[in-house]
Protein backbone atom coordinates (compact mmCIF):
# COMPACT_ATOMS: atom_id res chain seq x y z
CA UNK A 1 -29.20 -32.22 -46.48
CA UNK A 2 -27.22 -31.31 -49.53
CA UNK A 3 -25.58 -34.32 -51.51
CA UNK A 4 -22.20 -32.84 -50.60
CA UNK A 5 -23.39 -32.91 -46.91
CA UNK A 6 -24.66 -36.47 -47.15
CA UNK A 7 -21.20 -37.74 -48.71
CA UNK A 8 -19.33 -35.72 -45.86
CA UNK A 9 -21.43 -37.68 -43.12
CA UNK A 10 -20.96 -41.20 -44.87
CA UNK A 11 -17.26 -40.41 -45.08
CA UNK A 12 -17.09 -39.82 -41.26
CA UNK A 13 -19.43 -42.57 -40.39
CA UNK A 14 -16.97 -45.12 -41.60
CA UNK A 15 -14.52 -44.96 -38.74
CA UNK A 16 -13.24 -48.54 -39.65
CA UNK A 17 -11.49 -46.90 -42.41
CA UNK A 18 -9.26 -44.92 -40.11
CA UNK A 19 -6.04 -46.29 -39.00
CA UNK A 20 -5.12 -46.52 -35.28
CA UNK A 21 -2.27 -47.60 -33.18
CA UNK A 22 0.55 -46.06 -35.19
CA UNK A 23 0.49 -42.38 -34.51
CA UNK A 24 3.97 -41.69 -35.61
CA UNK A 25 3.68 -43.78 -38.87
CA UNK A 26 2.87 -42.45 -42.31
CA UNK A 27 -0.95 -41.92 -42.18
CA UNK A 28 -2.07 -41.78 -38.56
CA UNK A 29 -5.49 -40.41 -37.58
CA UNK A 30 -4.65 -36.81 -36.55
CA UNK A 31 -6.48 -34.99 -33.97
CA UNK A 32 -6.16 -31.25 -33.43
CA UNK A 33 -7.38 -29.88 -29.99
CA UNK A 34 -8.04 -26.41 -29.80
CA UNK A 35 -7.52 -25.50 -25.99
CA UNK A 36 -5.06 -27.44 -24.12
CA UNK A 37 -5.91 -26.67 -20.45
CA UNK A 38 -6.37 -29.34 -17.80
CA UNK A 39 -9.25 -31.01 -19.59
CA UNK A 40 -7.88 -30.85 -22.79
CA UNK A 41 -4.85 -32.82 -21.15
CA UNK A 42 -7.08 -35.70 -20.22
CA UNK A 43 -8.80 -35.78 -23.42
CA UNK A 44 -5.27 -35.87 -25.29
CA UNK A 45 -4.33 -38.91 -22.94
CA UNK A 46 -7.34 -40.44 -23.90
CA UNK A 47 -7.21 -40.24 -27.70
CA UNK A 48 -3.53 -41.31 -27.39
CA UNK A 49 -4.28 -44.56 -25.72
CA UNK A 50 -6.59 -45.20 -28.53
CA UNK A 51 -3.69 -44.90 -31.15
CA UNK A 52 -4.40 -41.42 -32.33
CA UNK A 53 -2.20 -38.61 -33.14
CA UNK A 54 -2.72 -35.28 -30.84
CA UNK A 55 -1.85 -31.90 -31.52
CA UNK A 56 -2.59 -29.39 -28.90
CA UNK A 57 -3.03 -25.54 -29.31
CA UNK A 58 -3.57 -22.95 -26.64
CA UNK A 59 -2.59 -19.20 -26.52
CA UNK A 60 0.16 -19.58 -24.07
CA UNK A 61 3.40 -21.32 -23.97
CA UNK A 62 3.42 -24.65 -21.84
CA UNK A 63 -0.33 -25.32 -21.42
CA UNK A 64 -1.10 -28.76 -19.78
CA UNK A 65 -2.16 -30.60 -22.88
CA UNK A 66 0.64 -29.52 -25.00
CA UNK A 67 2.92 -31.22 -22.21
CA UNK A 68 1.82 -34.54 -23.13
CA UNK A 69 0.69 -34.33 -26.93
CA UNK A 70 2.45 -35.30 -29.92
CA UNK A 71 2.74 -31.68 -31.00
CA UNK A 72 2.19 -28.36 -29.04
CA UNK A 73 1.31 -24.94 -30.77
CA UNK A 74 0.61 -21.67 -29.42
CA UNK A 75 -1.75 -19.67 -31.55
CA UNK A 76 -4.38 -16.82 -30.86
CA UNK A 77 -7.39 -19.07 -31.97
CA UNK A 78 -9.85 -16.28 -32.26
CA UNK A 79 -7.76 -14.95 -35.01
CA UNK A 80 -9.18 -16.47 -38.32
CA UNK A 81 -5.92 -16.17 -40.32
CA UNK A 82 -3.82 -17.71 -37.61
CA UNK A 83 -6.34 -20.53 -36.83
CA UNK A 84 -6.40 -21.02 -40.80
CA UNK A 85 -2.64 -21.44 -40.97
CA UNK A 86 -2.71 -23.97 -38.17
CA UNK A 87 -5.36 -26.06 -39.71
CA UNK A 88 -3.32 -26.07 -42.95
CA UNK A 89 -0.06 -26.97 -41.07
CA UNK A 90 -1.45 -29.67 -39.19
CA UNK A 91 -3.76 -31.43 -41.73
CA UNK A 92 -6.07 -32.94 -38.99
CA UNK A 93 -8.83 -35.39 -39.62
CA UNK A 94 -10.94 -34.01 -36.65
CA UNK A 95 -10.77 -30.75 -35.15
CA UNK A 96 -11.61 -30.54 -31.37
CA UNK A 97 -12.66 -27.23 -29.90
CA UNK A 98 -12.18 -27.12 -26.29
CA UNK A 99 -12.43 -23.51 -25.36
CA UNK A 100 -14.97 -20.68 -26.44
CA UNK A 101 -12.56 -17.79 -28.17
CA UNK A 102 -12.47 -19.62 -31.37
CA UNK A 103 -12.89 -18.19 -34.94
CA UNK A 104 -15.95 -20.48 -35.58
CA UNK A 105 -16.37 -19.53 -39.33
CA UNK A 106 -12.81 -21.12 -39.98
CA UNK A 107 -14.53 -24.46 -38.30
CA UNK A 108 -17.23 -23.89 -40.76
CA UNK A 109 -14.74 -24.08 -43.60
CA UNK A 110 -12.94 -27.13 -42.28
CA UNK A 111 -16.04 -28.88 -42.03
CA UNK A 112 -16.70 -28.30 -46.06
CA UNK A 113 -13.52 -29.73 -46.71
CA UNK A 114 -14.24 -33.06 -45.19
CA UNK A 115 -12.63 -32.44 -41.61
CA UNK A 116 -14.51 -33.85 -38.89
CA UNK A 117 -15.34 -30.86 -36.40
CA UNK A 118 -16.43 -31.95 -33.08
CA UNK A 119 -19.34 -32.19 -32.36
CA UNK A 120 -20.32 -30.15 -35.44
CA UNK A 121 -19.31 -26.71 -36.75
CA UNK A 122 -22.51 -25.29 -36.28
CA UNK A 123 -22.99 -26.58 -32.74
CA UNK A 124 -19.54 -25.55 -31.72
CA UNK A 125 -20.53 -21.88 -32.78
CA UNK A 126 -23.92 -22.18 -30.84
CA UNK A 127 -22.75 -23.19 -27.82
CA UNK A 128 -20.21 -20.42 -27.56
CA UNK A 129 -23.05 -17.75 -28.04
CA UNK A 130 -25.48 -17.48 -25.04
CA UNK A 131 -28.15 -15.85 -27.55
CA UNK A 132 -28.11 -18.49 -30.10
CA UNK A 133 -28.10 -21.28 -27.32
CA UNK A 134 -30.95 -19.84 -25.30
CA UNK A 135 -32.95 -19.28 -28.41
CA UNK A 136 -32.30 -22.97 -29.79
CA UNK A 137 -33.06 -24.68 -26.17
CA UNK A 138 -35.92 -22.45 -25.26
CA UNK A 139 -37.69 -21.30 -28.37
CA UNK A 140 -37.02 -24.18 -30.87
CA UNK A 141 -36.43 -27.36 -28.46
CA UNK A 142 -39.02 -26.08 -25.77
CA UNK A 143 -36.87 -26.32 -22.95
CA UNK A 144 -37.89 -24.35 -19.63
CA UNK A 145 -35.35 -21.79 -18.53
CA UNK A 146 -35.28 -18.88 -16.37
CA UNK A 147 -36.82 -15.74 -17.88
CA UNK A 148 -34.23 -13.83 -19.84
CA UNK A 149 -33.85 -10.89 -22.12
CA UNK A 150 -30.83 -9.39 -24.06
CA UNK A 151 -29.73 -5.73 -24.06
CA UNK A 152 -27.15 -3.94 -26.19
CA UNK A 153 -26.78 -0.68 -24.15
CA UNK A 154 -26.84 0.44 -20.73
CA UNK A 155 -30.40 1.78 -21.25
CA UNK A 156 -31.68 -1.60 -22.65
CA UNK A 157 -30.10 -3.28 -19.55
CA UNK A 158 -31.91 -1.16 -17.46
CA UNK A 159 -35.07 -1.99 -19.09
CA UNK A 160 -34.29 -5.67 -19.38
CA UNK A 161 -33.29 -5.89 -15.63
CA UNK A 162 -36.84 -4.35 -14.81
CA UNK A 163 -38.64 -6.83 -16.81
CA UNK A 164 -36.95 -10.14 -15.35
CA UNK A 165 -36.75 -8.30 -11.72
CA UNK A 166 -34.08 -8.03 -9.26
CA UNK A 167 -31.78 -9.54 -8.14
CA UNK A 168 -30.67 -10.96 -11.67
CA UNK A 169 -27.81 -12.27 -13.47
CA UNK A 170 -25.89 -10.12 -15.96
CA UNK A 171 -23.55 -12.15 -18.26
CA UNK A 172 -21.64 -11.81 -21.39
CA UNK A 173 -22.69 -13.64 -24.53
CA UNK A 174 -19.54 -15.67 -24.53
CA UNK A 175 -17.36 -16.36 -21.47
CA UNK A 176 -16.47 -19.31 -19.02
CA UNK A 177 -15.89 -20.19 -15.52
CA UNK A 178 -17.77 -17.26 -14.21
CA UNK A 179 -15.73 -14.39 -16.08
CA UNK A 180 -17.74 -11.23 -16.65
CA UNK A 181 -20.97 -12.35 -14.74
CA UNK A 182 -22.49 -10.32 -12.24
CA UNK A 183 -25.15 -10.79 -9.76
CA UNK A 184 -27.20 -7.43 -9.74
CA UNK A 185 -29.54 -6.76 -7.00
CA UNK A 186 -30.47 -3.18 -7.67
CA UNK A 187 -30.33 -0.73 -10.54
CA UNK A 188 -27.20 0.95 -9.00
CA UNK A 189 -25.24 -2.10 -9.86
CA UNK A 190 -26.22 -2.34 -13.52
CA UNK A 191 -23.35 -0.08 -15.02
CA UNK A 192 -20.88 -1.95 -13.37
CA UNK A 193 -22.48 -5.24 -14.63
CA UNK A 194 -22.51 -3.94 -18.19
CA UNK A 195 -18.79 -2.91 -17.93
CA UNK A 196 -17.70 -6.30 -16.47
CA UNK A 197 -19.48 -8.19 -19.10
CA UNK A 198 -17.80 -6.37 -22.05
CA UNK A 199 -14.38 -6.26 -20.44
CA UNK A 200 -14.15 -9.85 -19.12
CA UNK A 201 -16.26 -11.49 -21.73
CA UNK A 202 -14.82 -13.06 -24.97
CA UNK A 203 -15.09 -12.45 -28.63
CA UNK A 204 -18.57 -13.44 -28.84
CA UNK A 205 -19.89 -10.50 -26.62
CA UNK A 206 -21.28 -8.75 -29.88
CA UNK A 207 -24.19 -9.59 -31.73
CA UNK A 208 -24.83 -8.32 -35.38
CA UNK A 209 -21.96 -5.76 -34.61
CA UNK A 210 -23.18 -4.49 -31.44
CA UNK A 211 -22.19 -5.12 -27.81
CA UNK A 212 -24.57 -7.30 -26.03
CA UNK A 213 -25.36 -9.20 -22.88
CA UNK A 214 -27.83 -11.56 -21.45
CA UNK A 215 -29.87 -10.84 -18.15
CA UNK A 216 -31.37 -13.59 -16.82
CA UNK A 217 -33.99 -13.80 -13.57
CA UNK A 218 -32.45 -15.49 -10.40
CA UNK A 219 -34.18 -18.84 -10.08
CA UNK A 220 -34.92 -20.06 -6.40
CA UNK A 221 -32.36 -22.87 -6.66
CA UNK A 222 -32.39 -26.19 -4.57
CA UNK A 223 -29.55 -28.06 -6.57
CA UNK A 224 -27.46 -27.71 -9.59
CA UNK A 225 -26.76 -30.52 -11.63
CA UNK A 226 -24.55 -31.81 -14.58
CA UNK A 227 -25.76 -34.56 -16.89
CA UNK A 228 -22.72 -35.75 -19.07
CA UNK A 229 -24.63 -36.85 -22.15
CA UNK A 230 -22.94 -38.97 -24.86
CA UNK A 231 -23.86 -38.79 -28.56
CA UNK A 232 -22.11 -41.65 -30.65
CA UNK A 233 -22.76 -43.96 -33.57
CA UNK A 234 -24.75 -45.89 -30.97
CA UNK A 235 -27.12 -43.01 -30.22
CA UNK A 236 -27.38 -40.89 -27.01
CA UNK A 237 -26.97 -42.17 -23.49
CA UNK A 238 -26.43 -40.31 -20.24
CA UNK A 239 -24.29 -40.68 -17.45
CA UNK A 240 -25.69 -40.62 -13.87
CA UNK A 241 -26.36 -36.94 -12.77
CA UNK A 242 -23.70 -35.14 -10.90
CA UNK A 243 -24.43 -32.64 -8.10
CA UNK A 244 -22.32 -29.42 -7.99
CA UNK A 245 -21.74 -26.47 -5.81
CA UNK A 246 -20.74 -23.05 -7.58
CA UNK A 247 -19.10 -19.68 -6.16
CA UNK A 248 -18.65 -16.79 -8.27
CA UNK A 249 -19.80 -18.71 -11.39
CA UNK A 250 -17.14 -21.38 -11.00
CA UNK A 251 -17.48 -24.90 -9.44
CA UNK A 252 -16.12 -25.52 -6.08
CA UNK A 253 -17.20 -29.07 -5.55
CA UNK A 254 -19.11 -31.89 -7.59
CA UNK A 255 -20.17 -35.26 -6.72
CA UNK A 256 -21.71 -38.30 -8.01
CA UNK A 257 -24.14 -39.84 -7.94
CA UNK A 258 -26.46 -36.59 -6.79
CA UNK A 259 -28.45 -37.30 -3.82
CA UNK A 260 -32.00 -36.54 -5.24
CA UNK A 261 -35.43 -37.94 -5.74
CA UNK A 262 -34.94 -40.65 -8.59
CA UNK A 263 -37.86 -38.97 -10.45
CA UNK A 264 -36.11 -35.74 -10.48
CA UNK A 265 -32.98 -37.16 -11.68
CA UNK A 266 -34.73 -39.28 -14.34
CA UNK A 267 -36.40 -36.11 -15.50
CA UNK A 268 -32.87 -34.37 -15.67
CA UNK A 269 -31.73 -37.27 -17.91
CA UNK A 270 -34.60 -37.08 -20.14
CA UNK A 271 -34.30 -33.05 -20.53
CA UNK A 272 -30.56 -33.67 -21.55
CA UNK A 273 -31.38 -36.58 -23.91
CA UNK A 274 -34.08 -34.22 -25.40
CA UNK A 275 -31.37 -31.51 -25.92
CA UNK A 276 -28.61 -33.58 -27.33
CA UNK A 277 -30.84 -35.34 -29.71
CA UNK A 278 -32.16 -32.10 -31.21
CA UNK A 279 -28.43 -30.80 -31.54
CA UNK A 280 -27.38 -34.04 -33.33
CA UNK A 281 -30.36 -33.56 -35.77
CA UNK A 282 -28.95 -30.09 -36.29
CA UNK A 283 -25.32 -31.57 -36.99
CA UNK A 284 -26.86 -33.99 -39.46
CA UNK A 285 -28.61 -31.14 -41.30
CA UNK A 286 -25.07 -29.65 -42.11
CA UNK A 287 -23.64 -33.17 -42.94
CA UNK A 288 -21.87 -33.77 -39.62
CA UNK A 289 -22.17 -36.38 -36.81
CA UNK A 290 -22.85 -34.32 -33.61
CA UNK A 291 -20.73 -36.99 -31.81
CA UNK A 292 -19.25 -36.30 -28.52
CA UNK A 293 -19.78 -35.84 -24.82
CA UNK A 294 -22.21 -32.69 -23.73
CA UNK A 295 -21.96 -31.22 -20.47
CA UNK A 296 -25.76 -30.35 -19.94
CA UNK A 297 -26.36 -28.07 -16.75
CA UNK A 298 -29.82 -28.13 -15.36
CA UNK A 299 -31.38 -26.00 -12.21
CA UNK A 300 -33.38 -28.09 -9.93
CA UNK A 301 -35.83 -25.50 -8.03
CA UNK A 302 -37.17 -25.61 -4.57
CA UNK A 303 -40.61 -26.86 -5.77
CA UNK A 304 -38.78 -29.75 -7.55
CA UNK A 305 -39.14 -28.44 -11.24
CA UNK A 306 -36.34 -28.27 -13.53
CA UNK A 307 -34.87 -25.44 -15.87
CA UNK A 308 -32.27 -25.61 -18.41
CA UNK A 309 -29.07 -23.54 -17.88
CA UNK A 310 -26.35 -24.27 -20.31
CA UNK A 311 -24.57 -26.87 -22.30
CA UNK A 312 -21.09 -27.13 -23.33
CA UNK A 313 -20.29 -29.63 -26.43
CA UNK A 314 -17.50 -31.16 -24.50
CA UNK A 315 -16.16 -32.70 -21.25
CA UNK A 316 -17.28 -30.59 -18.29
CA UNK A 317 -15.20 -29.45 -15.34
CA UNK A 318 -17.68 -30.90 -12.92
CA UNK A 319 -17.35 -34.20 -14.68
CA UNK A 320 -13.79 -34.33 -13.57
CA UNK A 321 -15.20 -36.47 -10.93
CA UNK A 322 -15.73 -39.27 -13.28
CA UNK A 323 -11.98 -39.72 -12.85
CA UNK A 324 -12.79 -41.72 -9.77
CA UNK A 325 -16.39 -42.86 -10.07
CA UNK A 326 -16.62 -44.39 -13.56
CA UNK A 327 -14.79 -47.18 -15.24
CA UNK A 328 -14.68 -44.95 -18.42
CA UNK A 329 -14.20 -41.36 -17.62
CA UNK A 330 -15.88 -38.51 -19.37
CA UNK A 331 -12.55 -38.07 -21.37
CA UNK A 332 -12.69 -41.63 -22.33
CA UNK A 333 -16.24 -41.42 -23.32
CA UNK A 334 -15.55 -38.41 -25.74
CA UNK A 335 -12.69 -39.92 -27.29
CA UNK A 336 -14.31 -42.98 -28.09
CA UNK A 337 -17.54 -41.16 -29.40
CA UNK A 338 -15.63 -38.80 -31.53
CA UNK A 339 -13.70 -41.41 -33.24
CA UNK A 340 -16.92 -43.26 -34.20
CA UNK A 341 -16.69 -46.18 -31.63
CA UNK A 342 -20.16 -47.03 -30.25
CA UNK A 343 -21.04 -45.94 -26.98
CA UNK A 344 -23.76 -47.86 -25.16
CA UNK A 345 -25.62 -47.03 -21.70
CA UNK A 346 -23.58 -49.79 -19.78
CA UNK A 347 -20.41 -48.02 -20.82
CA UNK A 348 -21.67 -45.09 -18.68
CA UNK A 349 -22.16 -47.16 -15.44
CA UNK A 350 -20.48 -45.96 -12.27
CA UNK A 351 -17.69 -48.19 -10.91
CA UNK A 352 -18.53 -47.35 -7.33
CA UNK A 353 -19.51 -49.81 -4.74
CA UNK A 354 -23.14 -49.59 -3.50
CA UNK A 355 -23.63 -46.75 -1.25
CA UNK A 356 -20.43 -45.00 -2.14
CA UNK A 357 -20.21 -41.26 -3.14
CA UNK A 358 -17.38 -39.69 -5.30
CA UNK A 359 -16.36 -36.14 -5.07
CA UNK A 360 -13.88 -33.87 -7.14
CA UNK A 361 -12.80 -30.58 -5.42
CA UNK A 362 -10.70 -28.06 -7.16
CA UNK A 363 -7.37 -26.68 -6.00
CA UNK A 364 -7.27 -23.08 -6.31
CA UNK A 365 -4.16 -20.97 -5.83
CA UNK A 366 -3.71 -17.24 -5.64
CA UNK A 367 -0.52 -15.27 -6.49
CA UNK A 368 1.64 -14.17 -9.48
CA UNK A 369 4.19 -16.37 -10.72
CA UNK A 370 5.06 -20.08 -11.21
CA UNK A 371 3.62 -22.72 -8.84
CA UNK A 372 4.97 -25.76 -6.99
CA UNK A 373 3.35 -27.96 -4.35
CA UNK A 374 4.84 -29.43 -1.38
CA UNK A 375 3.21 -31.79 1.34
CA UNK A 376 2.27 -34.51 -1.30
CA UNK A 377 3.23 -37.33 0.60
CA UNK A 378 0.81 -36.36 3.46
CA UNK A 379 -1.75 -35.22 1.18
CA UNK A 380 -2.37 -38.59 -0.40
CA UNK A 381 -1.91 -40.51 2.81
CA UNK A 382 -6.06 -40.12 3.40
CA UNK A 383 -7.77 -43.09 2.51
CA UNK A 384 -10.05 -43.29 -0.58
CA UNK A 385 -8.17 -40.15 -2.27
CA UNK A 386 -6.53 -39.28 -5.46
CA UNK A 387 -5.07 -36.06 -6.93
CA UNK A 388 -4.43 -34.51 -10.30
CA UNK A 389 -1.94 -31.45 -10.54
CA UNK A 390 -2.73 -29.79 -13.74
CA UNK A 391 1.01 -28.61 -14.31
CA UNK A 392 0.03 -24.96 -15.51
CA UNK A 393 3.01 -22.93 -15.89
CA UNK A 394 1.94 -20.10 -13.80
CA UNK A 395 -0.71 -18.23 -11.73
CA UNK A 396 -2.01 -14.47 -12.25
CA UNK A 397 -4.45 -13.83 -9.81
CA UNK A 398 -6.27 -16.95 -9.14
CA UNK A 399 -6.27 -20.21 -11.15
CA UNK A 400 -7.34 -23.68 -10.80
CA UNK A 401 -4.10 -25.75 -10.57
CA UNK A 402 -5.43 -29.10 -9.59
CA UNK A 403 -8.18 -31.18 -8.63
CA UNK A 404 -8.62 -33.57 -5.50
CA UNK A 405 -10.65 -36.82 -6.01
CA UNK A 406 -11.97 -38.56 -3.16
CA UNK A 407 -14.38 -41.70 -2.17
CA UNK A 408 -16.59 -42.16 0.88
CA UNK A 409 -19.71 -43.87 2.36
CA UNK A 410 -21.54 -40.44 1.96
CA UNK A 411 -21.06 -37.04 0.59
CA UNK A 412 -20.16 -35.59 4.03
CA UNK A 413 -17.38 -38.43 4.58
CA UNK A 414 -16.09 -37.84 0.81
CA UNK A 415 -15.98 -34.12 0.96
CA UNK A 416 -14.11 -34.19 4.19
CA UNK A 417 -11.53 -36.49 2.73
CA UNK A 418 -11.20 -34.10 -0.17
CA UNK A 419 -10.71 -31.05 2.39
CA UNK A 420 -8.08 -33.05 4.14
CA UNK A 421 -6.02 -33.46 1.15
CA UNK A 422 -6.37 -29.66 -0.08
CA UNK A 423 -5.39 -28.59 3.30
CA UNK A 424 -2.05 -30.87 3.55
CA UNK A 425 -1.12 -29.76 -0.05
CA UNK A 426 0.93 -26.71 0.43
CA UNK A 427 1.28 -24.44 -2.85
CA UNK A 428 4.41 -22.11 -3.34
CA UNK A 429 4.03 -19.37 -5.74
CA UNK A 430 6.45 -17.22 -7.15
CA UNK A 431 10.32 -17.01 -8.43
CA UNK A 432 11.49 -18.13 -5.12
CA UNK A 433 9.38 -20.82 -4.52
C-alpha cells in the first residue's frame, strides 16, 4: 500500500471524529447514495436514524429514497461528467453505490480525494462486471463455480455454449434482476440470447471495447442461498443464511432461516466469509476500508456441494426478510458498518422465537402508469404479517412495487400468510386509478 493510501485509510478508520446527530448543522457527516430505489430508501432511513445527512440520486424523478432523504437528485450516473458534477455539488464524506450503472472511474477519483467509497472503489467496479468478479472469486480466491466461458461475438458464443454444454445461461457482463439473461436449451436460441444480453444489459456489457457476454453451465440445483456478510471495523460476520426462490432471474420468495443441513449452512457461511475477507484485503491495498454488507449468493447442488454464484456489495433484495426476522435489518447493519461502527456476530442474530420462519414476498404490478393500492385494511388483518409499499411513481411493464413480510411456525404457513396479504392487496394502475 502506498503512503497516501495508508493515510487515507487511517483517516477513514477514525469514525469517532465524525459528527453525528446534527444533519442540518454546519458540518454534518454527509452521505451520497447513488441509486434511490426501495433498498436505497431503507438505507437512507437507517443512516438518518444515526444522525447522518443523506442525499439520494437516481435516473428518474420521485425515486423512493429521494422521497425521504435530505436532498434528492436526478442524474444519469453512468455519465462520468454528470456524476463528477454531482459529487462536487454534494461534497460527501461517503459515497454509497446502490445500482450497477455508475461511472466507476469517477468513484476511483473520489477515493483518491479522501472520500470513503462503499465498500471501496475497486470493489464497486469489480462487482458490476461479471468477468472481473468471476475471475477474482474462482481464479484468485479459489471458490468453486459453475463452468463458464466468455464470448465477444455470436460465433464465440456458439463455441462457448458447446464447451459448457446445453442448457446454459447467457448473461450480460452487467445487469440486475435478471435483465438480459436467457436460458438457452439449444443452438437455435443463441442469437436471441446474444441480442437480449446486449440490448437489456447495462454499461459494462463491453470488455476492452468489445461487446461481451458470459456463458454459464446450468447447475443441478437443490437450493439457492443468500449469506448476508458484514465487514466492519470489528471484522467479518455472517447472518443466518436466507433461502430464496427465483423466477426469470429475479427473486419471488425469500425466507430465514434456510431449512438445510446445519453442515451445509456452515459451509455456506465459511464460503461467504472467505470471499468477503479477500475482498476487504483488496480494498486495503488501495487504502480503503471494504466496510459494508455483502449479499453473497450460493448454489446448493443436489449432491450437497456448494458453488459460488454472485455477490453484491450492498444490501440484497432477498435480505428484505431481515425487516421482520432480525433485530438489526440488513440496512441497519450496512449503515453501521460503513459509518465505522463495530458490528459483532451477536448483532446479526435472529429475533425470531424458536421454530419460527420469516418470509418476504415481493408485490409485482403489471401495466402502464401510476399505481395505487386498495384493500390495505384487509391485507394487514392477517396475523404475523407486515407490508412495505415502495412508493415508486409508476410502472412500465412489470415492476416490484412492494414487499410482504410474514411469520409462521414453518415455511409453508408463513408463505401462505404472505400470499394471503398479496391477494387482498389490490393494485390500480393508470391515470384513472
